[in-house]
Protein backbone atom coordinates (compact mmCIF):
# COMPACT_ATOMS: atom_id res chain seq x y z
CA MET A 1 0.00 0.00 0.00
CA ILE A 2 1.29 3.46 -0.86
CA TYR A 3 0.29 6.50 1.12
CA PRO A 4 1.62 10.06 1.00
CA LYS A 5 4.66 10.71 3.16
CA TRP A 6 5.61 13.92 1.49
CA LEU A 7 3.41 16.27 -0.47
CA GLY A 8 5.95 18.37 -2.35
CA SER A 9 5.32 19.23 -5.96
CA ARG A 10 8.55 17.69 -7.30
CA LEU A 11 11.80 15.96 -6.52
CA SER A 12 15.10 17.57 -7.55
CA SER A 13 13.69 17.99 -11.07
CA PRO A 14 10.25 17.68 -12.64
CA PHE A 15 9.49 13.99 -13.12
CA VAL A 16 7.62 11.98 -15.75
CA ASP A 17 7.24 8.60 -14.06
CA PHE A 18 8.41 6.74 -10.95
CA ASP A 19 8.56 3.33 -9.30
CA PHE A 20 9.90 1.82 -6.10
CA CYS A 21 12.72 -0.74 -6.16
CA ASP A 22 15.25 -1.98 -3.61
CA ILE A 23 18.24 -1.40 -5.88
CA ASN A 24 20.91 -1.69 -3.18
CA HIS A 25 19.38 -4.77 -1.50
CA ASP A 26 19.15 -3.21 1.96
CA GLY A 27 15.52 -4.26 2.47
CA ILE A 28 14.19 -0.73 1.87
CA ALA A 29 12.75 0.29 -1.50
CA GLU A 30 14.21 3.40 -3.09
CA LEU A 31 12.14 5.84 -5.15
CA ILE A 32 13.30 5.59 -8.77
CA ALA A 33 12.22 8.58 -10.86
CA LEU A 34 12.39 9.36 -14.56
CA GLU A 35 12.91 13.11 -14.57
CA TYR A 36 13.77 15.92 -16.95
CA GLN A 37 17.30 17.26 -17.22
CA LYS A 38 17.82 20.95 -17.97
CA ASP A 39 18.51 20.14 -21.65
CA GLY A 40 15.10 18.47 -22.09
CA LEU A 41 16.44 14.91 -22.15
CA LYS A 42 15.64 12.63 -19.22
CA ARG A 43 17.54 10.82 -16.49
CA VAL A 44 16.77 8.05 -14.01
CA MET A 45 17.47 9.12 -10.45
CA ALA A 46 17.37 7.10 -7.20
CA TYR A 47 16.12 8.71 -3.98
CA GLU A 48 15.94 7.53 -0.39
CA TRP A 49 13.50 8.64 2.29
CA THR A 50 15.26 10.67 4.99
CA GLY A 51 12.36 11.01 7.42
CA PHE A 52 11.51 14.50 6.19
CA GLY A 53 11.76 14.22 2.43
CA PHE A 54 13.55 12.40 -0.34
CA SER A 55 17.28 12.78 -0.92
CA GLY A 56 18.97 11.91 -4.20
CA ILE A 57 21.50 9.10 -3.82
CA ALA A 58 22.46 8.21 -7.41
CA ILE A 59 21.95 9.02 -11.07
CA LEU A 60 21.24 5.63 -12.62
CA GLY A 61 21.05 6.81 -16.24
CA LYS A 62 21.19 10.11 -18.09
CA ASN A 63 20.60 11.66 -21.53
CA LEU A 64 17.64 9.33 -22.11
CA LEU A 65 14.73 9.61 -24.52
CA MET A 66 12.32 7.18 -22.80
CA ASP A 67 8.84 8.09 -21.57
CA SER A 68 8.32 5.42 -18.91
CA ILE A 69 10.46 4.13 -16.05
CA SER A 70 9.54 0.61 -17.18
CA GLU A 71 11.73 1.14 -20.26
CA PHE A 72 14.84 1.43 -18.06
CA CYS A 73 16.72 -1.84 -17.72
CA PHE A 74 18.01 -2.58 -14.20
CA GLU A 75 19.44 -5.96 -15.22
CA GLY A 76 23.22 -6.24 -15.09
CA ARG A 77 23.69 -2.96 -13.23
CA ASP A 78 25.68 -2.96 -9.98
CA PHE A 79 24.13 -0.69 -7.36
CA ASN A 80 26.12 -2.02 -4.39
CA GLU A 81 27.99 1.30 -4.01
CA ILE A 82 24.74 3.17 -3.32
CA HIS A 83 24.45 3.73 0.43
């Protein structure tokens, strides 16, 4: 079940789509957002909940043309360095 924890209008950048995924295998799902870069292309950004809001922890992909987070392939990527 998802319920609002934070009611801000955006993350670090305006976003198109999002999902939750435990990318660093710590038992806590991170917020994965497909968001606009300043140049109009998109990036995939990982955020963690800090108790007050979300904090960016990693750029997972950048300079992308996709329209849905489901188009981003997590397979074969090593996220062990993400805290």
